[in-house]
Amino acid sequence: MEANRNQAGCIKTTVVMVGIAILFLVAIVAGADIKCSYDIENWWAPLYPNGETVKVEYDFIRPRALGVTFWYMESPDDVETVKQFYRDFRIATLKAGKTRGIAESESAVHPLEDGEGSLIVLYSACGV
């Protein structure tokens, strides 16, 4: 009888400990996801204000957070105007003393095939 009580107590304790460990991991992933998303959106790879999203590819829970994201936009603005926006934004970010943290990002701007406007490709990776 005493052995059955000890086994039941041991099983309950194990279940509780595993549950706590899972909740802890979920909290860490959720916190990292929120931090990555904030940094990417506000400091490292903002969406171009005069751009229209044409395609999004991502490999984790949501785009522009944990994982890798490719975000494609088209803009009627010329390539140099778009590049200057991202240069100015990066300079302002660096002057504000922001560090990369666990996120990295790149932007590339290409002329559209018809010659009118720009194709903007934003790459972001966080926690990978």
N, C-alpha and C. Protein backbone atom coordinates (compact mmCIF):
# COMPACT_ATOMS: atom_id res chain seq x y z
N MET A 1 0.82 -1.18 0.00
CA MET A 1 0.00 0.00 0.00
C MET A 1 0.88 1.26 0.00
N GLU A 2 1.90 1.26 0.84
CA GLU A 2 2.81 2.41 0.92
C GLU A 2 3.55 2.60 -0.40
N ALA A 3 3.92 1.52 -1.09
CA ALA A 3 4.63 1.61 -2.37
C ALA A 3 3.74 2.23 -3.44
N ASN A 4 2.46 1.89 -3.44
CA ASN A 4 1.54 2.47 -4.43
C ASN A 4 1.39 3.97 -4.24
N ARG A 5 1.35 4.41 -2.97
CA ARG A 5 1.26 5.85 -2.68
C ARG A 5 2.52 6.57 -3.14
N ASN A 6 3.68 5.98 -2.92
CA ASN A 6 4.94 6.60 -3.33
C ASN A 6 5.04 6.66 -4.85
N GLN A 7 4.58 5.60 -5.53
CA GLN A 7 4.61 5.61 -6.99
C GLN A 7 3.67 6.67 -7.55
N ALA A 8 2.49 6.79 -6.97
CA ALA A 8 1.53 7.80 -7.41
C ALA A 8 2.09 9.20 -7.19
N GLY A 9 2.70 9.42 -6.05
CA GLY A 9 3.31 10.72 -5.76
C GLY A 9 4.44 11.03 -6.70
N CYS A 10 5.24 10.02 -7.02
CA CYS A 10 6.37 10.20 -7.94
C CYS A 10 5.86 10.54 -9.35
N ILE A 11 4.80 9.87 -9.78
CA ILE A 11 4.23 10.14 -11.10
C ILE A 11 3.66 11.55 -11.15
N LYS A 12 2.94 11.96 -10.11
CA LYS A 12 2.37 13.32 -10.08
C LYS A 12 3.48 14.36 -10.12
N THR A 13 4.53 14.13 -9.35
CA THR A 13 5.65 15.08 -9.32
C THR A 13 6.30 15.16 -10.70
N THR A 14 6.47 14.03 -11.35
CA THR A 14 7.08 14.01 -12.68
C THR A 14 6.22 14.77 -13.69
N VAL A 15 4.92 14.54 -13.64
CA VAL A 15 4.00 15.24 -14.55
C VAL A 15 4.06 16.74 -14.32
N VAL A 16 4.06 17.15 -13.07
CA VAL A 16 4.13 18.58 -12.73
C VAL A 16 5.45 19.18 -13.22
N MET A 17 6.55 18.49 -13.00
CA MET A 17 7.87 19.01 -13.41
C MET A 17 7.96 19.11 -14.94
N VAL A 18 7.46 18.11 -15.66
CA VAL A 18 7.47 18.16 -17.12
C VAL A 18 6.58 19.30 -17.60
N GLY A 19 5.42 19.49 -16.98
CA GLY A 19 4.53 20.60 -17.34
C GLY A 19 5.20 21.95 -17.13
N ILE A 20 5.89 22.10 -16.02
CA ILE A 20 6.60 23.36 -15.74
C ILE A 20 7.70 23.59 -16.77
N ALA A 21 8.43 22.53 -17.11
CA ALA A 21 9.50 22.66 -18.11
C ALA A 21 8.93 23.08 -19.46
N ILE A 22 7.81 22.49 -19.86
CA ILE A 22 7.19 22.85 -21.14
C ILE A 22 6.72 24.30 -21.12
N LEU A 23 6.08 24.72 -20.03
CA LEU A 23 5.64 26.12 -19.92
C LEU A 23 6.82 27.08 -19.97
N PHE A 24 7.93 26.71 -19.34
CA PHE A 24 9.13 27.53 -19.35
C PHE A 24 9.67 27.69 -20.77
N LEU A 25 9.73 26.59 -21.52
CA LEU A 25 10.20 26.65 -22.90
C LEU A 25 9.27 27.47 -23.78
N VAL A 26 7.98 27.31 -23.60
CA VAL A 26 7.00 28.09 -24.37
C VAL A 26 7.17 29.58 -24.07
N ALA A 27 7.39 29.93 -22.81
CA ALA A 27 7.58 31.33 -22.44
C ALA A 27 8.85 31.91 -23.07
N ILE A 28 9.91 31.13 -23.10
CA ILE A 28 11.16 31.60 -23.72
C ILE A 28 10.96 31.82 -25.22
N VAL A 29 10.33 30.86 -25.90
CA VAL A 29 10.10 30.99 -27.35
C VAL A 29 9.18 32.18 -27.64
N ALA A 30 8.11 32.33 -26.86
CA ALA A 30 7.18 33.45 -27.07
C ALA A 30 7.89 34.78 -26.84
N GLY A 31 8.68 34.88 -25.79
CA GLY A 31 9.41 36.11 -25.51
C GLY A 31 10.39 36.45 -26.62
N ALA A 32 11.13 35.44 -27.10
CA ALA A 32 12.08 35.67 -28.18
C ALA A 32 11.36 36.06 -29.46
N ASP A 33 10.22 35.44 -29.74
CA ASP A 33 9.44 35.76 -30.94
C ASP A 33 8.97 37.21 -30.90
N ILE A 34 8.47 37.65 -29.76
CA ILE A 34 8.00 39.03 -29.61
C ILE A 34 9.15 40.01 -29.76
N LYS A 35 10.28 39.72 -29.14
CA LYS A 35 11.45 40.60 -29.22
C LYS A 35 11.97 40.68 -30.65
N CYS A 36 12.06 39.53 -31.32
CA CYS A 36 12.52 39.52 -32.72
C CYS A 36 11.60 40.35 -33.60
N SER A 37 10.32 40.13 -33.47
CA SER A 37 9.35 40.86 -34.28
C SER A 37 9.47 42.36 -34.07
N TYR A 38 9.57 42.78 -32.82
CA TYR A 38 9.69 44.21 -32.51
C TYR A 38 10.95 44.80 -33.14
N ASP A 39 12.09 44.11 -32.95
CA ASP A 39 13.35 44.64 -33.49
C ASP A 39 13.33 44.71 -35.01
N ILE A 40 12.81 43.68 -35.65
CA ILE A 40 12.78 43.66 -37.11
C ILE A 40 11.85 44.75 -37.63
N GLU A 41 10.67 44.86 -37.08
CA GLU A 41 9.69 45.85 -37.55
C GLU A 41 10.14 47.29 -37.30
N ASN A 42 10.71 47.54 -36.13
CA ASN A 42 10.98 48.92 -35.71
C ASN A 42 12.41 49.38 -35.90
N TRP A 43 13.36 48.46 -36.01
CA TRP A 43 14.75 48.90 -36.06
C TRP A 43 15.54 48.41 -37.27
N TRP A 44 15.27 47.23 -37.77
CA TRP A 44 16.19 46.68 -38.75
C TRP A 44 15.63 46.48 -40.14
N ALA A 45 14.37 46.17 -40.30
CA ALA A 45 13.83 45.93 -41.64
C ALA A 45 12.39 46.41 -41.74
N PRO A 46 12.18 47.71 -41.61
CA PRO A 46 10.79 48.19 -41.71
C PRO A 46 10.26 48.01 -43.13
N LEU A 47 8.96 47.87 -43.22
CA LEU A 47 8.35 47.79 -44.54
C LEU A 47 8.42 49.17 -45.20
N TYR A 48 8.68 49.17 -46.48
CA TYR A 48 8.79 50.45 -47.21
C TYR A 48 7.43 51.13 -47.23
N PRO A 49 7.37 52.42 -46.83
CA PRO A 49 6.08 53.10 -46.70
C PRO A 49 5.27 53.20 -48.00
N ASN A 50 5.95 53.25 -49.13
CA ASN A 50 5.23 53.39 -50.40
C ASN A 50 5.28 52.07 -51.19
N GLY A 51 5.33 50.95 -50.45
CA GLY A 51 5.43 49.65 -51.11
C GLY A 51 4.19 48.81 -50.87
N GLU A 52 3.98 47.88 -51.77
CA GLU A 52 2.86 46.96 -51.66
C GLU A 52 3.42 45.54 -51.60
N THR A 53 3.02 44.80 -50.58
CA THR A 53 3.49 43.43 -50.42
C THR A 53 2.96 42.55 -51.54
N VAL A 54 3.86 41.79 -52.18
CA VAL A 54 3.44 40.89 -53.25
C VAL A 54 3.66 39.43 -52.90
N LYS A 55 4.55 39.15 -51.95
CA LYS A 55 4.82 37.76 -51.57
C LYS A 55 5.54 37.74 -50.23
N VAL A 56 5.22 36.71 -49.42
CA VAL A 56 5.87 36.53 -48.12
C VAL A 56 6.21 35.05 -47.97
N GLU A 57 7.45 34.76 -47.62
CA GLU A 57 7.88 33.38 -47.34
C GLU A 57 8.51 33.37 -45.95
N TYR A 58 8.07 32.43 -45.10
CA TYR A 58 8.65 32.32 -43.77
C TYR A 58 8.64 30.86 -43.34
N ASP A 59 9.49 30.53 -42.36
CA ASP A 59 9.66 29.12 -42.01
C ASP A 59 9.34 28.77 -40.56
N PHE A 60 8.72 29.67 -39.83
CA PHE A 60 8.38 29.35 -38.45
C PHE A 60 6.95 29.78 -38.19
N ILE A 61 6.63 30.23 -37.01
CA ILE A 61 5.27 30.51 -36.58
C ILE A 61 4.63 31.64 -37.39
N ARG A 62 5.36 32.74 -37.56
CA ARG A 62 4.82 33.91 -38.26
C ARG A 62 5.96 34.65 -38.94
N PRO A 63 5.65 35.48 -39.93
CA PRO A 63 6.72 36.20 -40.63
C PRO A 63 7.29 37.32 -39.76
N ARG A 64 8.54 37.66 -40.08
CA ARG A 64 9.24 38.78 -39.44
C ARG A 64 9.30 38.64 -37.93
N ALA A 65 9.61 37.43 -37.48
CA ALA A 65 9.79 37.13 -36.05
C ALA A 65 10.86 36.03 -35.99
N LEU A 66 10.70 35.04 -35.12
CA LEU A 66 11.65 33.93 -35.08
C LEU A 66 11.65 33.21 -36.43
N GLY A 67 12.81 32.72 -36.82
CA GLY A 67 12.93 32.02 -38.09
C GLY A 67 13.43 32.95 -39.18
N VAL A 68 13.28 32.48 -40.41
CA VAL A 68 13.76 33.23 -41.58
C VAL A 68 12.55 33.69 -42.40
N THR A 69 12.59 34.95 -42.83
CA THR A 69 11.51 35.51 -43.63
C THR A 69 12.08 36.23 -44.85
N PHE A 70 11.45 36.02 -45.98
CA PHE A 70 11.68 36.83 -47.18
C PHE A 70 10.38 37.55 -47.47
N TRP A 71 10.44 38.88 -47.52
CA TRP A 71 9.25 39.71 -47.73
C TRP A 71 9.48 40.50 -49.02
N TYR A 72 8.62 40.31 -50.01
CA TYR A 72 8.78 40.95 -51.31
C TYR A 72 7.73 42.06 -51.46
N MET A 73 8.20 43.23 -51.88
CA MET A 73 7.32 44.37 -52.08
C MET A 73 7.61 45.01 -53.44
N GLU A 74 6.61 45.66 -53.99
CA GLU A 74 6.80 46.47 -55.19
C GLU A 74 6.42 47.91 -54.85
N SER A 75 7.15 48.84 -55.45
CA SER A 75 6.89 50.25 -55.22
C SER A 75 7.00 51.00 -56.54
N PRO A 76 6.18 52.02 -56.71
CA PRO A 76 6.33 52.85 -57.91
C PRO A 76 7.57 53.74 -57.84
N ASP A 77 8.17 53.84 -56.65
CA ASP A 77 9.37 54.69 -56.49
C ASP A 77 10.57 54.04 -57.19
N ASP A 78 11.50 54.90 -57.65
CA ASP A 78 12.69 54.38 -58.32
C ASP A 78 13.64 53.71 -57.31
N VAL A 79 14.55 52.93 -57.83
CA VAL A 79 15.47 52.13 -57.01
C VAL A 79 16.27 53.01 -56.06
N GLU A 80 16.80 54.11 -56.55
CA GLU A 80 17.65 54.96 -55.70
C GLU A 80 16.86 55.57 -54.54
N THR A 81 15.62 55.95 -54.75
CA THR A 81 14.79 56.50 -53.67
C THR A 81 14.57 55.47 -52.57
N VAL A 82 14.30 54.24 -52.97
CA VAL A 82 14.07 53.17 -51.99
C VAL A 82 15.36 52.85 -51.25
N LYS A 83 16.47 52.75 -51.98
CA LYS A 83 17.76 52.47 -51.33
C LYS A 83 18.10 53.57 -50.33
N GLN A 84 17.84 54.83 -50.70
CA GLN A 84 18.14 55.94 -49.80
C GLN A 84 17.29 55.85 -48.54
N PHE A 85 16.04 55.44 -48.65
CA PHE A 85 15.18 55.26 -47.47
C PHE A 85 15.82 54.27 -46.51
N TYR A 86 16.27 53.13 -47.02
CA TYR A 86 16.86 52.11 -46.14
C TYR A 86 18.22 52.55 -45.60
N ARG A 87 19.01 53.27 -46.40
CA ARG A 87 20.29 53.80 -45.88
C ARG A 87 20.03 54.77 -44.73
N ASP A 88 19.11 55.71 -44.95
CA ASP A 88 18.80 56.69 -43.91
C ASP A 88 18.26 56.02 -42.65
N PHE A 89 17.41 55.01 -42.84
CA PHE A 89 16.83 54.31 -41.69
C PHE A 89 17.91 53.58 -40.90
N ARG A 90 18.83 52.91 -41.60
CA ARG A 90 19.92 52.20 -40.92
C ARG A 90 20.83 53.16 -40.17
N ILE A 91 21.13 54.29 -40.77
CA ILE A 91 21.98 55.28 -40.10
C ILE A 91 21.29 55.78 -38.84
N ALA A 92 20.00 56.08 -38.92
CA ALA A 92 19.26 56.54 -37.74
C ALA A 92 19.24 55.46 -36.66
N THR A 93 19.10 54.22 -37.06
CA THR A 93 19.09 53.11 -36.10
C THR A 93 20.44 53.01 -35.39
N LEU A 94 21.50 53.10 -36.15
CA LEU A 94 22.84 53.03 -35.55
C LEU A 94 23.12 54.22 -34.65
N LYS A 95 22.69 55.42 -35.07
CA LYS A 95 22.87 56.60 -34.24
C LYS A 95 22.08 56.50 -32.94
N ALA A 96 20.95 55.78 -32.97
CA ALA A 96 20.15 55.58 -31.77
C ALA A 96 20.79 54.55 -30.84
N GLY A 97 21.90 53.95 -31.28
CA GLY A 97 22.61 53.00 -30.45
C GLY A 97 21.99 51.62 -30.39
N LYS A 98 21.18 51.29 -31.36
CA LYS A 98 20.53 49.98 -31.37
C LYS A 98 21.52 48.93 -31.87
N THR A 99 21.55 47.81 -31.19
CA THR A 99 22.40 46.71 -31.62
C THR A 99 21.54 45.65 -32.30
N ARG A 100 22.18 44.78 -33.03
CA ARG A 100 21.48 43.77 -33.80
C ARG A 100 20.75 42.78 -32.90
N GLY A 101 21.28 42.47 -31.75
CA GLY A 101 20.65 41.49 -30.89
C GLY A 101 20.65 40.12 -31.54
N ILE A 102 19.54 39.39 -31.45
CA ILE A 102 19.49 38.06 -32.06
C ILE A 102 18.88 38.08 -33.46
N ALA A 103 18.57 39.27 -33.95
CA ALA A 103 17.96 39.39 -35.28
C ALA A 103 18.99 39.91 -36.27
N GLU A 104 18.87 39.46 -37.50
CA GLU A 104 19.67 40.05 -38.58
C GLU A 104 18.75 40.32 -39.75
N SER A 105 19.10 41.29 -40.55
CA SER A 105 18.25 41.62 -41.69
C SER A 105 19.08 42.24 -42.79
N GLU A 106 18.54 42.14 -43.99
CA GLU A 106 19.14 42.74 -45.17
C GLU A 106 18.00 43.25 -46.05
N SER A 107 18.31 44.24 -46.85
CA SER A 107 17.34 44.70 -47.85
C SER A 107 18.04 44.78 -49.19
N ALA A 108 17.33 44.41 -50.23
CA ALA A 108 17.85 44.51 -51.59
C ALA A 108 16.76 45.17 -52.44
N VAL A 109 17.19 46.02 -53.34
CA VAL A 109 16.24 46.74 -54.19
C VAL A 109 16.67 46.55 -55.64
N HIS A 110 15.72 46.14 -56.47
CA HIS A 110 15.98 45.89 -57.88
C HIS A 110 14.93 46.62 -58.72
N PRO A 111 15.30 47.01 -59.94
CA PRO A 111 14.28 47.60 -60.81
C PRO A 111 13.27 46.52 -61.22
N LEU A 112 12.01 46.93 -61.34
CA LEU A 112 11.00 46.00 -61.83
C LEU A 112 11.28 45.66 -63.29
N GLU A 113 10.83 44.51 -63.71
CA GLU A 113 11.12 44.05 -65.07
C GLU A 113 10.61 45.01 -66.14
N ASP A 114 9.48 45.66 -65.87
CA ASP A 114 8.94 46.60 -66.87
C ASP A 114 9.62 47.97 -66.79
N GLY A 115 10.55 48.14 -65.85
CA GLY A 115 11.32 49.37 -65.76
C GLY A 115 10.65 50.47 -64.96
N GLU A 116 9.45 50.27 -64.51
CA GLU A 116 8.72 51.28 -63.75
C GLU A 116 8.66 50.87 -62.28
N GLY A 117 9.46 51.47 -61.43
CA GLY A 117 9.39 51.18 -60.01
C GLY A 117 10.45 50.20 -59.54
N SER A 118 10.23 49.68 -58.33
CA SER A 118 11.24 48.86 -57.67
C SER A 118 10.64 47.60 -57.07
N LEU A 119 11.48 46.56 -57.05
CA LEU A 119 11.18 45.34 -56.30
C LEU A 119 12.05 45.38 -55.06
N ILE A 120 11.42 45.29 -53.90
CA ILE A 120 12.14 45.35 -52.62
C ILE A 120 12.08 43.97 -52.00
N VAL A 121 13.25 43.46 -51.63
CA VAL A 121 13.32 42.16 -50.98
C VAL A 121 13.90 42.38 -49.59
N LEU A 122 13.11 42.08 -48.58
CA LEU A 122 13.57 42.20 -47.20
C LEU A 122 13.80 40.79 -46.65
N TYR A 123 14.98 40.58 -46.11
CA TYR A 123 15.35 39.30 -45.51
C TYR A 123 15.52 39.55 -44.02
N SER A 124 14.95 38.69 -43.22
CA SER A 124 15.21 38.77 -41.78
C SER A 124 15.35 37.36 -41.23
N ALA A 125 16.23 37.22 -40.27
CA ALA A 125 16.45 35.94 -39.60
C ALA A 125 16.65 36.24 -38.13
N CYS A 126 16.02 35.44 -37.31
CA CYS A 126 16.12 35.67 -35.87
C CYS A 126 16.15 34.33 -35.15
N GLY A 127 17.13 34.16 -34.29
CA GLY A 127 17.22 32.95 -33.49
C GLY A 127 17.68 31.74 -34.26
N VAL A 128 18.25 31.94 -35.44
CA VAL A 128 18.71 30.79 -36.24
C VAL A 128 20.21 30.79 -36.35
